[in-house]
N, C-alpha and C. Protein backbone atom coordinates (compact mmCIF):
# COMPACT_ATOMS: atom_id res chain seq x y z
N UNK A 1 5.35 18.05 12.56
CA UNK A 1 4.36 16.83 11.38
C UNK A 1 3.56 16.25 12.28
N UNK A 2 2.33 15.74 12.02
CA UNK A 2 1.68 15.25 13.03
C UNK A 2 1.27 14.03 12.07
N UNK A 3 0.42 13.08 12.54
CA UNK A 3 -0.02 11.66 11.86
C UNK A 3 -0.85 12.05 10.79
N UNK A 4 -2.02 13.00 10.99
CA UNK A 4 -3.20 13.29 10.09
C UNK A 4 -2.26 13.51 8.86
N UNK A 5 -1.37 14.66 8.97
CA UNK A 5 -0.61 15.09 7.54
C UNK A 5 0.21 14.21 6.95
N UNK A 6 0.73 13.16 7.85
CA UNK A 6 1.63 12.09 7.04
C UNK A 6 0.60 11.28 6.38
N UNK A 7 -1.00 10.90 6.98
CA UNK A 7 -1.48 10.25 6.05
C UNK A 7 -1.96 11.12 4.96
N UNK A 8 -2.41 11.96 5.02
CA UNK A 8 -2.99 12.73 3.94
C UNK A 8 -1.86 13.04 2.77
N UNK A 9 -0.75 13.11 3.51
CA UNK A 9 0.33 13.63 2.33
C UNK A 9 0.52 12.61 1.70
N UNK A 10 0.64 10.97 2.28
CA UNK A 10 0.84 9.86 1.45
C UNK A 10 -0.10 9.61 0.60
N UNK A 11 -1.27 10.02 0.98
CA UNK A 11 -2.67 9.78 0.15
C UNK A 11 -2.54 10.40 -0.97
N UNK A 12 -2.29 11.30 -1.31
CA UNK A 12 -2.31 12.83 -2.13
C UNK A 12 -1.01 12.27 -3.07
N UNK A 13 0.26 11.85 -2.55
CA UNK A 13 1.10 11.56 -3.43
C UNK A 13 0.94 10.05 -4.09
N UNK A 14 0.02 8.95 -3.38
CA UNK A 14 -0.08 7.69 -4.07
C UNK A 14 -0.98 8.17 -5.30
N UNK A 15 -1.83 8.78 -4.94
CA UNK A 15 -3.04 8.99 -6.06
C UNK A 15 -2.23 9.79 -7.13
N UNK A 16 -1.33 10.50 -7.04
CA UNK A 16 -0.57 11.15 -7.98
C UNK A 16 0.28 10.33 -8.61
N UNK A 17 1.23 9.09 -8.29
CA UNK A 17 1.84 8.23 -8.80
C UNK A 17 0.87 7.49 -9.38
N UNK A 18 -0.29 6.79 -8.83
CA UNK A 18 -1.02 6.18 -10.06
C UNK A 18 -1.72 6.64 -11.00
N UNK A 19 -2.10 8.16 -10.62
CA UNK A 19 -2.34 8.86 -12.08
C UNK A 19 -1.19 8.76 -13.01
N UNK A 20 -0.17 9.27 -12.78
CA UNK A 20 1.13 9.40 -13.52
C UNK A 20 0.96 8.06 -14.49
N UNK A 21 0.93 6.86 -13.78
CA UNK A 21 1.58 5.60 -13.98
C UNK A 21 0.23 5.01 -14.98
N UNK A 22 -0.97 5.61 -14.57
CA UNK A 22 -2.21 4.92 -15.65
C UNK A 22 -1.65 6.25 -16.91
N UNK A 23 -1.76 7.48 -16.88
CA UNK A 23 -1.29 8.25 -17.96
C UNK A 23 -0.27 7.69 -18.76
N UNK A 24 0.81 7.12 -18.53
CA UNK A 24 1.70 6.66 -18.94
C UNK A 24 1.53 5.43 -19.66
N UNK A 25 0.79 4.39 -18.80
CA UNK A 25 0.14 3.16 -19.69
C UNK A 25 -0.36 3.45 -20.89
N UNK A 26 -1.10 4.56 -20.92
CA UNK A 26 -1.96 4.82 -21.75
C UNK A 26 -1.49 5.51 -23.04
N UNK A 27 -0.25 6.28 -22.73
CA UNK A 27 0.30 7.12 -24.19
C UNK A 27 1.89 6.55 -24.61
N UNK A 28 2.18 5.99 -23.43
CA UNK A 28 3.45 5.52 -24.08
C UNK A 28 3.88 4.47 -24.98
N UNK A 29 4.72 4.26 -25.24
CA UNK A 29 4.74 3.05 -26.20
C UNK A 29 5.34 1.92 -25.69
N UNK A 30 5.71 1.97 -24.49
CA UNK A 30 6.04 0.82 -23.65
C UNK A 30 4.73 0.63 -22.61
N UNK A 31 3.61 0.28 -22.85
CA UNK A 31 2.43 0.17 -22.10
C UNK A 31 1.96 -1.02 -21.18
N UNK A 32 3.00 -1.72 -21.56
CA UNK A 32 2.72 -3.25 -20.80
C UNK A 32 4.03 -2.96 -19.46
N UNK A 33 4.92 -1.99 -19.79
CA UNK A 33 5.83 -1.93 -18.66
C UNK A 33 5.39 -0.85 -17.45
N UNK A 34 4.50 0.03 -18.58
CA UNK A 34 3.77 1.13 -17.28
C UNK A 34 2.58 0.56 -16.70
N UNK A 35 1.85 -0.52 -17.40
CA UNK A 35 0.63 -0.96 -16.90
C UNK A 35 1.04 -2.09 -15.65
N UNK A 36 2.15 -2.65 -15.77
CA UNK A 36 2.86 -3.28 -14.69
C UNK A 36 3.37 -2.57 -13.62
N UNK A 37 3.75 -1.48 -13.63
CA UNK A 37 4.20 -0.38 -12.43
C UNK A 37 2.92 -0.02 -11.84
N UNK A 38 1.79 0.51 -12.60
CA UNK A 38 0.42 0.76 -11.94
C UNK A 38 -0.13 -0.23 -11.46
N UNK A 39 -0.09 -1.52 -11.51
CA UNK A 39 -0.64 -2.78 -11.05
C UNK A 39 -0.12 -2.88 -9.54
N UNK A 40 1.32 -2.97 -9.77
CA UNK A 40 2.19 -2.98 -8.42
C UNK A 40 2.06 -2.23 -7.97
N UNK A 41 1.78 -0.73 -7.97
CA UNK A 41 1.62 0.45 -6.99
C UNK A 41 0.06 0.61 -6.64
N UNK A 42 -1.00 -0.01 -7.55
CA UNK A 42 -2.06 0.14 -6.93
C UNK A 42 -2.25 -1.06 -6.06
N UNK A 43 -1.83 -2.72 -6.05
CA UNK A 43 -1.95 -3.36 -5.14
C UNK A 43 -1.16 -2.72 -3.65
N UNK A 44 -0.25 -2.27 -3.57
CA UNK A 44 0.48 -1.96 -2.69
C UNK A 44 -0.29 -0.96 -1.91
N UNK A 45 -0.83 0.11 -2.62
CA UNK A 45 -1.48 1.28 -1.87
C UNK A 45 -2.64 0.79 -1.48
N UNK A 46 -3.30 -0.50 -2.03
CA UNK A 46 -4.73 -1.16 -1.38
C UNK A 46 -4.13 -1.80 0.00
N UNK A 47 -3.08 -2.39 0.02
CA UNK A 47 -2.18 -3.21 0.96
C UNK A 47 -2.16 -2.33 2.41
N UNK A 48 -1.85 -0.92 1.86
CA UNK A 48 -1.49 0.33 2.64
C UNK A 48 -2.94 0.86 3.32
N UNK A 49 -3.59 1.24 2.55
CA UNK A 49 -4.90 1.75 2.84
C UNK A 49 -5.79 0.22 4.17
N UNK A 50 -5.43 -0.80 3.93
CA UNK A 50 -6.00 -1.79 4.67
C UNK A 50 -5.25 -1.73 6.18
N UNK A 51 -4.00 -1.89 6.03
CA UNK A 51 -3.33 -1.83 6.94
C UNK A 51 -3.39 -0.04 8.17
N UNK A 52 -3.64 0.80 7.37
CA UNK A 52 -4.39 2.12 7.73
C UNK A 52 -5.40 1.67 8.64
N UNK A 53 -6.42 1.42 8.16
CA UNK A 53 -7.64 0.85 8.44
C UNK A 53 -7.53 0.08 9.78
N UNK A 54 -6.56 -0.84 9.65
CA UNK A 54 -6.46 -1.94 10.84
C UNK A 54 -5.98 -1.13 12.01
N UNK A 55 -5.07 -0.19 11.79
CA UNK A 55 -4.51 0.66 12.67
C UNK A 55 -5.50 1.31 13.23
N UNK A 56 -6.07 2.14 12.69
CA UNK A 56 -7.30 2.81 13.44
C UNK A 56 -8.21 2.17 13.89
N UNK A 57 -8.51 1.13 13.40
CA UNK A 57 -9.65 0.25 14.11
C UNK A 57 -9.12 -0.04 15.55
N UNK A 58 -7.93 -0.23 15.86
CA UNK A 58 -7.48 -0.68 17.32
C UNK A 58 -6.70 0.31 17.91
N UNK A 59 -6.65 1.72 17.34
CA UNK A 59 -5.76 2.77 18.25
C UNK A 59 -6.17 3.07 19.60
N UNK A 60 -7.48 3.50 19.45
CA UNK A 60 -7.85 3.84 21.16
C UNK A 60 -8.46 2.60 21.93
N UNK A 61 -8.18 1.82 21.68
CA UNK A 61 -8.49 0.45 22.52
C UNK A 61 -7.58 -0.09 23.46
N UNK A 62 -7.74 -1.22 24.03
CA UNK A 62 -6.69 -1.42 25.10
C UNK A 62 -5.41 -2.06 24.00
N UNK A 63 -4.32 -2.06 24.86
CA UNK A 63 -3.29 -2.74 24.07
C UNK A 63 -3.37 -4.21 23.57
N UNK A 64 -4.07 -4.93 24.21
CA UNK A 64 -4.42 -6.35 23.74
C UNK A 64 -5.19 -6.44 22.25
N UNK A 65 -6.23 -5.57 22.80
CA UNK A 65 -7.11 -5.05 21.01
C UNK A 65 -6.34 -4.79 20.14
N UNK A 66 -5.44 -3.91 20.53
CA UNK A 66 -4.49 -3.12 19.41
C UNK A 66 -3.79 -3.90 18.54
N UNK A 67 -2.98 -5.05 19.46
CA UNK A 67 -2.15 -6.17 18.98
C UNK A 67 -3.01 -7.21 17.88
N UNK A 68 -4.24 -7.24 18.56
CA UNK A 68 -4.85 -8.23 17.86
C UNK A 68 -5.59 -7.57 16.58
N UNK A 69 -5.92 -6.42 16.23
CA UNK A 69 -6.11 -5.70 15.22
C UNK A 69 -4.99 -5.78 14.35
N UNK A 70 -3.81 -5.42 14.82
CA UNK A 70 -2.51 -5.28 13.80
C UNK A 70 -2.09 -6.71 13.34
N UNK A 71 -2.30 -7.61 14.06
CA UNK A 71 -1.93 -8.95 13.73
C UNK A 71 -2.89 -9.48 12.72
N UNK A 72 -4.44 -9.17 13.07
CA UNK A 72 -5.17 -9.74 12.04
C UNK A 72 -5.23 -8.71 10.72
N UNK A 73 -4.69 -7.70 10.77
CA UNK A 73 -4.65 -7.19 9.48
C UNK A 73 -3.23 -7.42 8.60
N UNK A 74 -2.17 -7.87 9.58
CA UNK A 74 -0.99 -8.31 8.77
C UNK A 74 -1.49 -9.94 8.44
N UNK A 75 -2.26 -10.50 8.70
CA UNK A 75 -2.55 -11.77 8.28
C UNK A 75 -3.73 -11.93 6.76
N UNK A 76 -4.35 -10.92 7.18
CA UNK A 76 -5.34 -10.63 6.06
C UNK A 76 -4.91 -10.12 5.03
N UNK A 77 -3.87 -9.07 4.97
CA UNK A 77 -2.87 -8.13 3.90
C UNK A 77 -2.64 -9.23 3.46
N UNK A 78 -1.72 -10.21 4.00
CA UNK A 78 -0.87 -10.80 3.62
C UNK A 78 -1.54 -12.09 2.56
N UNK A 79 -2.77 -12.58 2.89
CA UNK A 79 -3.47 -13.51 2.01
C UNK A 79 -4.16 -12.72 0.68
N UNK A 80 -4.47 -11.61 1.00
CA UNK A 80 -4.93 -10.90 0.19
C UNK A 80 -4.06 -10.32 -0.62
N UNK A 81 -2.69 -9.76 -0.49
CA UNK A 81 -1.38 -9.79 -1.28
C UNK A 81 -1.14 -11.24 -2.20
N UNK A 82 -1.19 -12.11 -1.50
CA UNK A 82 -0.56 -13.09 -2.15
C UNK A 82 -1.57 -13.82 -3.69
N UNK A 83 -2.92 -13.76 -2.97
CA UNK A 83 -3.86 -13.96 -3.88
C UNK A 83 -4.04 -13.02 -5.22
N UNK A 84 -3.76 -11.80 -4.84
CA UNK A 84 -3.84 -10.85 -5.85
C UNK A 84 -2.61 -11.15 -6.68
N UNK A 85 -1.23 -11.34 -6.20
CA UNK A 85 -0.26 -11.32 -6.98
C UNK A 85 -0.06 -12.55 -7.70
N UNK A 86 -1.04 -13.62 -7.22
CA UNK A 86 -1.07 -14.90 -8.25
C UNK A 86 -1.98 -14.83 -8.99
N UNK A 87 -3.01 -14.24 -8.86
CA UNK A 87 -4.19 -13.98 -9.94
C UNK A 87 -3.87 -12.92 -11.11
N UNK A 88 -2.64 -12.22 -10.62
CA UNK A 88 -2.69 -11.04 -11.64
C UNK A 88 -1.31 -11.35 -12.63
N UNK A 89 -0.76 -12.29 -11.91
CA UNK A 89 0.47 -12.79 -12.75
C UNK A 89 0.03 -14.08 -13.81
N UNK A 90 -1.08 -14.80 -13.24
CA UNK A 90 -1.72 -15.58 -13.86
C UNK A 90 -2.54 -15.38 -15.32
N UNK A 91 -3.44 -14.41 -15.00
CA UNK A 91 -4.47 -13.84 -16.03
C UNK A 91 -4.40 -12.53 -16.66
N UNK A 92 -3.32 -11.62 -16.09
CA UNK A 92 -3.39 -10.45 -16.91
C UNK A 92 -1.68 -10.34 -17.79
N UNK A 93 -1.87 -9.83 -19.08
CA UNK A 93 -0.70 -9.69 -19.80
C UNK A 93 0.17 -8.33 -19.08
N UNK A 94 1.18 -8.77 -18.55
CA UNK A 94 2.07 -7.75 -17.98
C UNK A 94 3.30 -7.94 -17.81
N UNK A 95 4.57 -7.46 -17.71
CA UNK A 95 5.89 -7.70 -17.44
C UNK A 95 5.93 -8.20 -15.92
N UNK A 96 6.60 -9.61 -15.79
CA UNK A 96 6.31 -10.12 -14.53
C UNK A 96 7.54 -9.64 -14.30
N UNK A 97 8.69 -8.98 -14.45
CA UNK A 97 9.69 -8.58 -13.58
C UNK A 97 9.27 -7.25 -13.37
N UNK A 98 9.06 -6.17 -14.02
CA UNK A 98 8.53 -4.70 -14.00
C UNK A 98 7.41 -4.97 -12.54
N UNK A 99 6.54 -5.77 -12.55
CA UNK A 99 5.58 -5.80 -11.73
C UNK A 99 5.90 -6.09 -10.30
N UNK A 100 6.72 -7.38 -10.39
CA UNK A 100 7.00 -7.51 -9.06
C UNK A 100 8.16 -6.26 -8.45
N UNK A 101 8.72 -5.94 -9.26
CA UNK A 101 9.80 -5.26 -8.59
C UNK A 101 9.14 -3.96 -7.95
N UNK A 102 8.23 -3.30 -9.20
CA UNK A 102 7.29 -2.21 -8.42
C UNK A 102 6.77 -2.65 -7.24
N UNK A 103 6.27 -3.85 -7.13
CA UNK A 103 5.31 -4.00 -6.04
C UNK A 103 6.25 -3.96 -4.83
N UNK A 104 7.15 -4.91 -4.49
CA UNK A 104 8.17 -4.69 -3.92
C UNK A 104 8.69 -3.14 -3.17
N UNK A 105 8.74 -2.57 -4.09
CA UNK A 105 9.37 -0.98 -4.25
C UNK A 105 8.37 -0.27 -2.98
N UNK A 106 7.18 -0.35 -4.13
CA UNK A 106 5.99 0.60 -3.25
C UNK A 106 5.61 0.06 -2.06
N UNK A 107 5.76 -1.20 -1.64
CA UNK A 107 5.30 -1.78 -0.57
C UNK A 107 6.41 -1.63 0.62
N UNK A 108 7.88 -1.50 0.19
CA UNK A 108 8.61 -1.32 1.08
C UNK A 108 8.03 0.48 1.77
N UNK A 109 7.78 1.17 0.43
CA UNK A 109 7.47 2.62 0.43
C UNK A 109 5.92 2.77 1.72
N UNK A 110 5.04 2.07 1.20
CA UNK A 110 4.16 2.31 2.25
C UNK A 110 4.01 1.63 3.62
N UNK A 111 5.32 0.55 3.72
CA UNK A 111 5.41 0.11 5.35
C UNK A 111 6.27 1.25 5.87
N UNK A 112 7.03 1.89 5.08
CA UNK A 112 7.86 2.80 6.00
C UNK A 112 6.82 3.83 6.35
N UNK A 113 6.11 4.69 5.78
CA UNK A 113 5.07 5.15 5.98
C UNK A 113 4.07 4.71 7.16
N UNK A 114 3.71 3.51 7.21
CA UNK A 114 2.82 2.80 8.37
C UNK A 114 3.73 3.28 9.44
N UNK A 115 4.84 3.13 9.44
CA UNK A 115 5.64 3.15 10.85
C UNK A 115 5.88 4.57 11.25
N UNK A 116 6.05 5.50 10.18
CA UNK A 116 5.89 6.88 10.61
C UNK A 116 4.70 7.35 11.37
N UNK A 117 3.83 6.32 10.72
CA UNK A 117 2.46 6.93 10.86
C UNK A 117 1.85 6.30 12.50
N UNK A 118 2.45 5.18 12.77
CA UNK A 118 2.48 5.00 13.62
C UNK A 118 3.07 5.46 14.95
N UNK A 119 4.24 6.11 14.68
CA UNK A 119 4.98 6.70 15.58
C UNK A 119 4.41 7.91 16.18
N UNK A 120 4.00 8.58 14.80
CA UNK A 120 3.56 10.16 15.08
C UNK A 120 2.25 9.82 15.92
N UNK A 121 1.52 8.69 15.56
CA UNK A 121 0.12 8.42 16.63
C UNK A 121 0.49 8.54 18.05
N UNK A 122 1.83 7.79 18.14
CA UNK A 122 1.75 7.22 19.64
C UNK A 122 2.42 8.47 20.37
N UNK A 123 2.96 9.48 19.34
CA UNK A 123 3.63 10.52 20.02
C UNK A 123 2.59 11.75 20.67
N UNK A 124 1.48 11.67 19.94
CA UNK A 124 0.18 12.37 19.97
C UNK A 124 -0.56 11.79 21.30
N UNK A 125 -0.64 10.44 21.32
CA UNK A 125 -1.43 9.90 22.06
C UNK A 125 -0.69 10.12 23.75
N UNK A 126 0.56 10.43 23.90
CA UNK A 126 1.17 10.51 25.20
C UNK A 126 1.12 11.92 25.88
């Protein structure tokens, strides 16, 4: 398995999850719960895409530039994530517990994929 396969597979799985939760939020009698899970997944997915962008931006550059890119990505992703969580909790009608729990669960899932992606990119580079 190479890094490109991991990236494409993770994006396909993520889009499938997003579509599934969107459909469930439209047809289920527990619409608010599935809407909360959908928003948590969507926010974590956007965070993941930003992380992959910053990793790819610094990948074939010097180690110093790569670290600066990754740390700038972490900082900007953290700020965007915090603002998005606060705005979502303040202005949208969602189930807070399901939203936070799904955000945490999908965030961990995407971080694990990012780590695998970095490991496989490093092995291909060597």
